[in-house]
Amino acid sequence: MTLRRLRPAADRGAIGPEPSLGDRRATLAAYAAILAIAVIDALIDPAIPGAVALGLVAPAAAGVCSRRQVAGVALTATVSAVVLVTWYESTTVTSKFIHVAVIGSLGLVALGVTSTRLRREAQLRHARSVAMTLQSAVLEPVPPRLPGLDLASLYMAAEAETLVGGDFYAVVDGPHGIRMLIGDVRGKGLPAVNTAAALMATFREAAYHEKDLTEVASRLEGRIHRLTSERTGPPGERFATALLMAFDEPDRLRLITCGHTQPIMLRDGSATEIELGDIAPPLGLAPLYPGGVKYVEHEIAFEAGDTLVATTDGISEARDAEGQFYPAAARLAGWSRAWPQHIVLHLYSDLRGHTGGPLQDDAAALVLQRPRRETPAGTRRRMLPI
């Protein structure tokens, strides 16, 4: 399950002729307004041209209603105006004609505004669909279960309307074991997405063929270095932090960190940040080290029931309204016995509640869990993608 698919069901469909419940309520409100204006105009002084207020109803409905609904409101308002100026107003014939003409014209304007709004909504929906396709191509779904591991992922882009960003993750189940990667490219937008896509493509290829995790890290460094040399800009402008993980031995996990956020181990109701020594610099900065960069593997215990949560700094550095950082370890400790899918659900909702609005940076998380007992594939209850 990947929470980057979390979108209202209505967003997945095209704009159709059937209005939503909100549109129907707005339409009923528009007709109620027409009725109220008509009754008031019929009861007040005939010398007061109250019917002209009917011209405001259709433009107001144009913001939320369909073309058919706006057309019905505009026609009803125009017919009501004809009845009111004919039977309940004592103005001149010229004034009556002008009032009806203005109301009818405003109805036509409302229809035009509605058509423009619906066309732009369709364009926006298409753009969101393209962005979701792009993100799906960049971030391949993480399998919920691999031999000896349960997994889940979370992705939240800072640019919510584009659905893409510079955080990335990948999981490869190859002949040398299970390899995992999570990283964070400097910057946002399409340049960051290009870099993330290149790194993930390199990782998937190297992780499948290379047995040594340090060689995989070297391949990633070489790729981002070539990517940097292919583009203009000052040195060091394009780099990424990364955490590489390998699960190829029972109850052991090997890690290499390249300037990345510390992972968090959940064990027996507690959460501990794993401090890794010999931290390599972020990918792309190796040319700044004349002596070269040495990638060091760290081996940690990863036993049945343990859960490792690897995040990007978009989670650990998320701030609330008072500027307080999100206490990731403290919050995760309360979910240490939950399934990975449940952990990312809790993390998603809790992080949104902490920030109280959109994130200032992309955020991603990769959750690995050793099941307490082996369960044949397909027998565990699986959650539907959202």
Protein backbone atom coordinates (compact mmCIF):
# COMPACT_ATOMS: atom_id res chain seq x y z
CA MET A 1 0.00 0.00 0.00
CA THR A 2 1.27 3.43 -0.92
CA LEU A 3 -0.43 6.50 0.46
CA ARG A 4 0.56 8.57 -2.54
CA ARG A 5 -2.61 7.09 -4.08
CA LEU A 6 -4.79 8.74 -1.48
CA ARG A 7 -7.19 10.84 -3.53
CA PRO A 8 -10.95 11.43 -3.41
CA ALA A 9 -12.83 9.10 -5.68
CA ALA A 10 -14.38 12.03 -7.51
CA ASP A 11 -10.94 13.15 -8.68
CA ARG A 12 -10.47 9.96 -10.64
CA GLY A 13 -13.46 10.47 -12.91
CA ALA A 14 -14.04 12.86 -15.70
CA ILE A 15 -16.41 15.78 -15.34
CA GLY A 16 -19.74 14.30 -16.30
CA PRO A 17 -23.30 15.54 -16.66
CA GLU A 18 -24.36 14.20 -13.27
CA PRO A 19 -23.81 16.89 -10.60
CA SER A 20 -22.44 16.11 -7.19
CA LEU A 21 -24.52 16.39 -4.02
CA GLY A 22 -23.00 19.80 -3.38
CA ASP A 23 -24.16 21.01 -6.82
CA ARG A 24 -27.71 19.87 -6.15
CA ARG A 25 -27.77 21.76 -2.89
CA ALA A 26 -26.46 24.88 -4.59
CA THR A 27 -29.12 24.53 -7.27
CA LEU A 28 -31.88 24.20 -4.68
CA ALA A 29 -30.49 27.26 -2.91
CA ALA A 30 -30.58 29.19 -6.19
CA TYR A 31 -34.21 28.30 -6.81
CA ALA A 32 -35.05 29.19 -3.21
CA ALA A 33 -33.39 32.58 -3.73
CA ILE A 34 -35.48 33.16 -6.88
CA LEU A 35 -38.64 32.30 -4.97
CA ALA A 36 -37.72 34.58 -2.08
CA ILE A 37 -36.93 37.51 -4.38
CA ALA A 38 -40.16 36.98 -6.29
CA VAL A 39 -42.30 36.91 -3.13
CA ILE A 40 -40.61 39.99 -1.68
CA ASP A 41 -40.92 41.90 -4.96
CA ALA A 42 -44.62 41.02 -5.19
CA LEU A 43 -45.29 42.26 -1.66
CA ILE A 44 -43.32 45.53 -1.62
CA ASP A 45 -44.13 48.83 -3.30
CA PRO A 46 -44.79 48.24 -7.05
CA ALA A 47 -42.69 51.32 -7.80
CA ILE A 48 -39.57 49.52 -6.57
CA PRO A 49 -38.01 47.31 -9.34
CA GLY A 50 -37.02 44.44 -7.06
CA ALA A 51 -37.06 41.90 -9.89
CA VAL A 52 -33.67 43.13 -11.07
CA ALA A 53 -32.12 41.28 -8.12
CA LEU A 54 -32.93 38.04 -9.92
CA GLY A 55 -30.01 38.73 -12.24
CA LEU A 56 -27.54 37.92 -9.43
CA VAL A 57 -28.72 34.34 -8.89
CA ALA A 58 -27.41 32.66 -12.05
CA PRO A 59 -23.90 34.19 -11.82
CA ALA A 60 -23.71 33.03 -8.20
CA ALA A 61 -24.66 29.48 -9.23
CA ALA A 62 -22.03 29.47 -12.00
CA GLY A 63 -19.27 28.88 -9.47
CA VAL A 64 -20.41 25.37 -8.46
CA CYS A 65 -23.24 24.15 -10.70
CA SER A 66 -23.27 22.35 -14.03
CA ARG A 67 -24.22 23.99 -17.32
CA ARG A 68 -27.64 22.38 -17.27
CA GLN A 69 -28.29 23.59 -13.75
CA VAL A 70 -27.13 27.14 -14.49
CA ALA A 71 -29.26 27.20 -17.64
CA GLY A 72 -32.31 26.16 -15.62
CA VAL A 73 -31.63 28.79 -12.97
CA ALA A 74 -31.07 31.51 -15.59
CA LEU A 75 -34.26 30.60 -17.47
CA THR A 76 -36.30 30.48 -14.26
CA ALA A 77 -34.93 33.85 -13.16
CA THR A 78 -35.72 35.43 -16.56
CA VAL A 79 -39.29 34.04 -16.68
CA SER A 80 -39.87 35.12 -13.08
CA ALA A 81 -38.64 38.61 -13.98
CA VAL A 82 -41.10 38.80 -16.90
CA VAL A 83 -43.99 37.85 -14.58
CA LEU A 84 -42.92 40.29 -11.87
CA VAL A 85 -42.39 43.32 -14.12
CA THR A 86 -45.64 42.60 -15.94
CA TRP A 87 -47.97 42.09 -12.98
CA TYR A 88 -46.29 43.45 -9.86
CA GLU A 89 -44.22 46.49 -10.91
CA SER A 90 -45.52 49.86 -12.06
CA THR A 91 -42.41 51.04 -13.89
CA THR A 92 -42.37 52.17 -17.50
CA VAL A 93 -42.39 49.72 -20.38
CA THR A 94 -38.84 50.73 -21.27
CA SER A 95 -37.65 50.09 -17.72
CA LYS A 96 -39.38 46.71 -17.68
CA PHE A 97 -37.72 45.72 -20.94
CA ILE A 98 -34.29 46.82 -19.70
CA HIS A 99 -34.70 44.89 -16.46
CA VAL A 100 -35.64 41.66 -18.24
CA ALA A 101 -32.85 42.15 -20.78
CA VAL A 102 -30.27 42.65 -18.04
CA ILE A 103 -31.42 39.53 -16.18
CA GLY A 104 -31.37 37.47 -19.37
CA SER A 105 -27.91 38.79 -20.30
CA LEU A 106 -26.54 37.96 -16.87
CA GLY A 107 -27.90 34.44 -17.34
CA LEU A 108 -25.97 34.12 -20.60
CA VAL A 109 -22.83 35.44 -18.90
CA ALA A 110 -23.31 32.86 -16.16
CA LEU A 111 -23.49 30.10 -18.78
CA GLY A 112 -20.24 31.33 -20.30
CA VAL A 113 -18.53 31.45 -16.93
CA THR A 114 -19.74 27.92 -16.16
CA SER A 115 -18.38 26.59 -19.46
CA THR A 116 -15.00 28.21 -18.81
CA ARG A 117 -14.87 26.84 -15.26
CA LEU A 118 -15.71 23.31 -16.34
CA ARG A 119 -13.15 23.44 -19.13
CA ARG A 120 -10.42 24.54 -16.72
CA GLU A 121 -11.45 21.89 -14.23
CA ALA A 122 -11.12 19.27 -16.95
CA GLN A 123 -7.66 20.59 -17.86
CA LEU A 124 -6.59 20.53 -14.21
CA ARG A 125 -7.90 17.01 -13.81
CA HIS A 126 -5.99 15.93 -16.89
CA ALA A 127 -2.82 17.56 -15.54
CA ARG A 128 -3.26 15.75 -12.22
CA SER A 129 -3.73 12.48 -14.10
CA VAL A 130 -0.50 13.06 -16.01
CA ALA A 131 1.30 13.90 -12.75
CA MET A 132 0.00 10.72 -11.11
CA THR A 133 1.17 8.70 -14.12
CA LEU A 134 4.59 10.34 -13.88
CA GLN A 135 4.82 9.61 -10.17
CA SER A 136 3.76 6.00 -10.70
CA ALA A 137 6.51 5.63 -13.29
CA VAL A 138 9.10 7.14 -10.95
CA LEU A 139 7.97 5.50 -7.70
CA GLU A 140 7.09 1.91 -8.41
CA PRO A 141 4.70 0.38 -5.87
CA VAL A 142 6.42 -1.30 -2.94
CA PRO A 143 5.37 -4.96 -2.58
CA PRO A 144 3.48 -5.48 0.69
CA ARG A 145 5.31 -8.73 1.38
CA LEU A 146 8.64 -10.29 0.42
CA PRO A 147 10.35 -13.38 1.86
CA GLY A 148 10.86 -12.61 5.53
CA LEU A 149 9.67 -9.00 5.29
CA ASP A 150 6.46 -7.00 5.39
CA LEU A 151 6.73 -3.55 3.81
CA ALA A 152 4.79 -0.33 3.35
CA SER A 153 5.62 3.10 1.97
CA LEU A 154 4.41 6.66 2.36
CA TYR A 155 4.92 9.56 -0.02
CA MET A 156 3.68 13.13 0.44
CA ALA A 157 4.78 15.79 -2.06
CA ALA A 158 5.11 19.38 -0.88
CA GLU A 159 3.69 20.49 -4.23
CA ALA A 160 0.40 18.73 -3.61
CA GLU A 161 -1.18 19.73 -6.89
CA THR A 162 1.68 18.26 -8.92
CA LEU A 163 1.96 15.07 -6.84
CA VAL A 164 5.68 14.85 -7.58
CA GLY A 165 8.80 15.76 -5.69
CA GLY A 166 12.40 14.92 -4.92
CA ASP A 167 11.99 12.20 -2.27
CA PHE A 168 12.26 8.64 -3.52
CA TYR A 169 12.39 5.00 -2.48
CA ALA A 170 12.83 1.64 -4.19
CA VAL A 171 12.79 -2.04 -3.26
CA VAL A 172 14.50 -4.78 -5.28
CA ASP A 173 14.20 -8.52 -4.62
CA GLY A 174 17.14 -10.01 -6.52
CA PRO A 175 19.46 -12.98 -6.52
CA HIS A 176 21.60 -11.45 -3.75
CA GLY A 177 18.70 -10.68 -1.41
CA ILE A 178 16.34 -7.81 -0.78
CA ARG A 179 17.79 -4.34 -1.32
CA MET A 180 16.04 -1.12 -0.32
CA LEU A 181 16.73 2.54 -0.93
CA ILE A 182 15.25 5.78 0.38
CA GLY A 183 16.61 9.19 -0.47
CA ASP A 184 16.01 12.90 -0.79
CA VAL A 185 17.14 15.03 -3.73
CA ARG A 186 18.02 18.66 -3.08
CA GLY A 187 15.31 20.95 -4.41
CA LYS A 188 11.77 20.40 -5.67
CA GLY A 189 9.87 20.16 -8.93
CA LEU A 190 10.89 18.53 -12.19
CA PRO A 191 14.70 18.88 -11.76
CA ALA A 192 14.46 16.94 -8.50
CA VAL A 193 12.17 14.37 -10.10
CA ASN A 194 14.65 13.87 -12.96
CA THR A 195 17.47 13.23 -10.52
CA ALA A 196 15.35 10.90 -8.38
CA ALA A 197 14.25 8.91 -11.44
CA ALA A 198 17.86 8.51 -12.62
CA LEU A 199 19.03 7.34 -9.18
CA MET A 200 16.20 4.84 -8.79
CA ALA A 201 16.79 3.39 -12.25
CA THR A 202 20.48 2.95 -11.42
CA PHE A 203 19.67 1.41 -8.04
CA ARG A 204 17.25 -1.13 -9.49
CA GLU A 205 19.86 -2.26 -11.98
CA ALA A 206 22.82 -2.26 -9.59
CA ALA A 207 20.95 -3.80 -6.66
CA TYR A 208 19.92 -6.75 -8.80
CA HIS A 209 23.38 -7.51 -10.20
CA GLU A 210 25.83 -6.31 -7.51
CA LYS A 211 26.35 -8.43 -4.41
CA ASP A 212 28.31 -5.77 -2.53
CA LEU A 213 26.14 -2.97 -1.14
CA THR A 214 29.10 -0.58 -1.24
CA GLU A 215 29.34 -1.13 -4.99
CA VAL A 216 25.68 -0.18 -5.31
CA ALA A 217 26.43 3.07 -3.47
CA SER A 218 29.38 3.73 -5.78
CA ARG A 219 27.18 3.19 -8.81
CA LEU A 220 24.70 5.74 -7.46
CA GLU A 221 27.48 8.25 -6.88
CA GLY A 222 28.75 7.77 -10.41
CA ARG A 223 25.28 8.24 -11.86
CA ILE A 224 24.54 11.47 -10.07
CA HIS A 225 28.01 12.75 -10.96
CA ARG A 226 27.34 12.10 -14.66
CA LEU A 227 23.91 13.65 -14.29
CA THR A 228 25.47 16.77 -12.80
CA SER A 229 28.09 17.04 -15.55
CA GLU A 230 25.36 16.84 -18.19
CA ARG A 231 23.65 19.95 -16.85
CA THR A 232 24.68 23.54 -16.35
CA GLY A 233 24.94 25.09 -12.92
CA PRO A 234 27.43 25.60 -10.11
CA PRO A 235 29.23 22.52 -8.66
CA GLY A 236 27.37 20.82 -5.85
CA GLU A 237 24.00 22.10 -7.01
CA ARG A 238 22.67 18.60 -7.64
CA PHE A 239 23.02 16.08 -4.81
CA ALA A 240 20.93 13.68 -2.78
CA THR A 241 21.01 12.01 0.61
CA ALA A 242 20.39 8.27 0.62
CA LEU A 243 20.04 5.28 2.90
CA LEU A 244 20.75 1.85 1.40
CA MET A 245 19.61 -1.32 3.14
CA ALA A 246 20.14 -5.01 2.45
CA PHE A 247 18.29 -7.95 3.96
CA ASP A 248 20.05 -11.10 2.82
CA GLU A 249 20.90 -12.83 6.11
CA PRO A 250 18.52 -14.11 8.81
CA ASP A 251 17.93 -11.59 11.61
CA ARG A 252 20.48 -9.12 10.22
CA LEU A 253 20.14 -5.89 8.28
CA ARG A 254 23.02 -4.10 6.55
CA LEU A 255 22.92 -0.34 5.98
CA ILE A 256 24.93 2.39 4.27
CA THR A 257 24.05 6.01 4.88
CA CYS A 258 25.00 8.88 2.63
CA GLY A 259 24.18 11.89 4.77
CA HIS A 260 20.61 10.69 5.26
CA THR A 261 18.20 11.00 8.17
CA GLN A 262 18.74 8.35 10.85
CA PRO A 263 16.37 5.38 10.64
CA ILE A 264 14.22 4.47 13.65
CA MET A 265 14.02 0.98 15.10
CA LEU A 266 10.74 -0.07 16.74
CA ARG A 267 11.17 -2.91 19.18
CA ASP A 268 9.04 -4.07 22.14
CA GLY A 269 7.06 -0.84 22.38
CA SER A 270 10.05 1.48 22.12
CA ALA A 271 11.55 3.58 19.31
CA THR A 272 15.27 4.19 18.97
CA GLU A 273 17.10 6.28 16.42
CA ILE A 274 19.96 4.25 14.98
CA GLU A 275 23.15 6.29 14.98
CA LEU A 276 25.43 5.07 12.21
CA GLY A 277 29.11 5.97 12.27
CA ASP A 278 31.30 6.56 9.21
CA ILE A 279 28.58 8.49 7.45
CA ALA A 280 29.38 9.07 3.79
CA PRO A 281 28.59 12.45 2.23
CA PRO A 282 25.43 12.89 0.17
CA LEU A 283 25.52 11.46 -3.32
CA GLY A 284 26.97 13.93 -5.78
CA LEU A 285 29.48 15.52 -3.40
CA ALA A 286 32.30 13.00 -3.83
CA PRO A 287 34.32 15.40 -6.07
CA LEU A 288 34.65 17.70 -3.05
CA TYR A 289 36.67 15.01 -1.21
CA PRO A 290 40.16 14.75 -2.74
CA GLY A 291 40.87 11.50 -0.90
CA GLY A 292 37.72 9.89 -2.23
CA VAL A 293 34.63 8.64 -0.42
CA LYS A 294 34.57 5.39 1.54
CA TYR A 295 31.26 3.62 1.93
CA VAL A 296 31.01 1.62 5.16
CA GLU A 297 28.39 -1.05 5.81
CA HIS A 298 26.76 -1.16 9.24
CA GLU A 299 25.20 -4.41 10.39
CA ILE A 300 22.37 -4.33 12.93
CA ALA A 301 20.15 -6.98 14.48
CA PHE A 302 16.76 -7.28 12.84
CA GLU A 303 14.82 -10.01 14.57
CA ALA A 304 11.25 -11.26 14.42
CA GLY A 305 8.86 -8.52 15.52
CA ASP A 306 11.31 -5.68 14.79
CA THR A 307 10.27 -2.77 12.60
CA LEU A 308 12.60 -0.31 10.91
CA VAL A 309 11.19 3.03 9.77
CA ALA A 310 13.36 4.97 7.34
CA THR A 311 12.18 8.52 6.63
CA THR A 312 13.29 11.66 4.85
CA ASP A 313 13.81 14.98 6.56
CA GLY A 314 10.42 16.16 5.33
CA ILE A 315 9.00 14.15 8.25
CA SER A 316 11.57 14.80 10.95
CA GLU A 317 11.74 18.53 10.14
CA ALA A 318 7.99 19.13 9.71
CA ARG A 319 6.94 21.97 12.01
CA ASP A 320 3.69 22.85 13.71
CA ALA A 321 2.22 26.35 14.06
CA GLU A 322 4.61 27.09 16.94
CA GLY A 323 7.68 25.98 15.01
CA GLN A 324 8.13 22.69 16.89
CA PHE A 325 9.60 19.75 14.93
CA TYR A 326 7.56 16.61 14.47
CA PRO A 327 8.61 14.09 17.20
CA ALA A 328 8.86 11.12 14.87
CA ALA A 329 10.47 8.65 17.27
CA ALA A 330 8.06 9.43 20.11
CA ARG A 331 5.02 9.05 17.87
CA LEU A 332 6.28 5.89 16.19
CA ALA A 333 6.87 4.23 19.57
CA GLY A 334 3.12 4.09 20.09
CA TRP A 335 2.66 2.15 16.85
CA SER A 336 5.57 -0.26 17.26
CA ARG A 337 3.33 -3.34 17.32
CA ALA A 338 1.21 -2.31 14.33
CA TRP A 339 1.51 -3.68 10.81
CA PRO A 340 3.55 -1.59 8.36
CA GLN A 341 0.37 -0.59 6.51
CA HIS A 342 -1.15 0.69 9.74
CA ILE A 343 2.04 2.52 10.70
CA VAL A 344 2.06 4.57 7.49
CA LEU A 345 -1.65 5.32 7.91
CA HIS A 346 -1.05 6.61 11.44
CA LEU A 347 2.03 8.53 10.31
CA TYR A 348 0.16 10.19 7.45
CA SER A 349 -2.75 11.41 9.55
CA ASP A 350 -0.59 12.36 12.53
CA LEU A 351 1.87 14.33 10.39
CA ARG A 352 -0.95 16.25 8.72
CA GLY A 353 -2.44 16.99 12.11
CA HIS A 354 0.95 18.22 13.40
CA THR A 355 1.56 20.64 10.54
CA GLY A 356 -2.07 21.75 10.33
CA GLY A 357 -1.71 22.33 6.58
CA PRO A 358 0.45 21.52 3.56
CA LEU A 359 4.01 20.34 4.09
CA GLN A 360 6.91 22.68 3.42
CA ASP A 361 9.05 19.85 2.05
CA ASP A 362 8.51 16.50 0.38
CA ALA A 363 8.16 13.61 2.82
CA ALA A 364 8.62 9.87 2.39
CA ALA A 365 8.89 6.83 4.61
CA LEU A 366 9.75 3.18 4.07
CA VAL A 367 8.64 0.70 6.74
CA LEU A 368 10.23 -2.77 7.03
CA GLN A 369 8.98 -5.34 9.50
CA ARG A 370 10.07 -8.83 10.39
CA PRO A 371 6.87 -10.79 10.99
CA ARG A 372 6.74 -12.55 14.35
CA ARG A 373 5.94 -15.78 12.54
CA GLU A 374 6.11 -16.72 8.92
CA THR A 375 2.74 -16.58 7.18
CA PRO A 376 2.18 -18.10 3.72
CA ALA A 377 1.73 -15.44 1.07
CA GLY A 378 -1.89 -14.47 0.54
CA THR A 379 -3.18 -15.63 3.93
CA ARG A 380 -2.80 -12.30 5.71
CA ARG A 381 -5.59 -9.82 5.44
CA ARG A 382 -4.57 -7.26 2.83
CA MET A 383 -5.71 -3.67 2.87
CA LEU A 384 -7.10 -2.12 -0.28
CA PRO A 385 -4.94 0.54 -1.94
CA ILE A 386 -6.04 4.10 -1.14
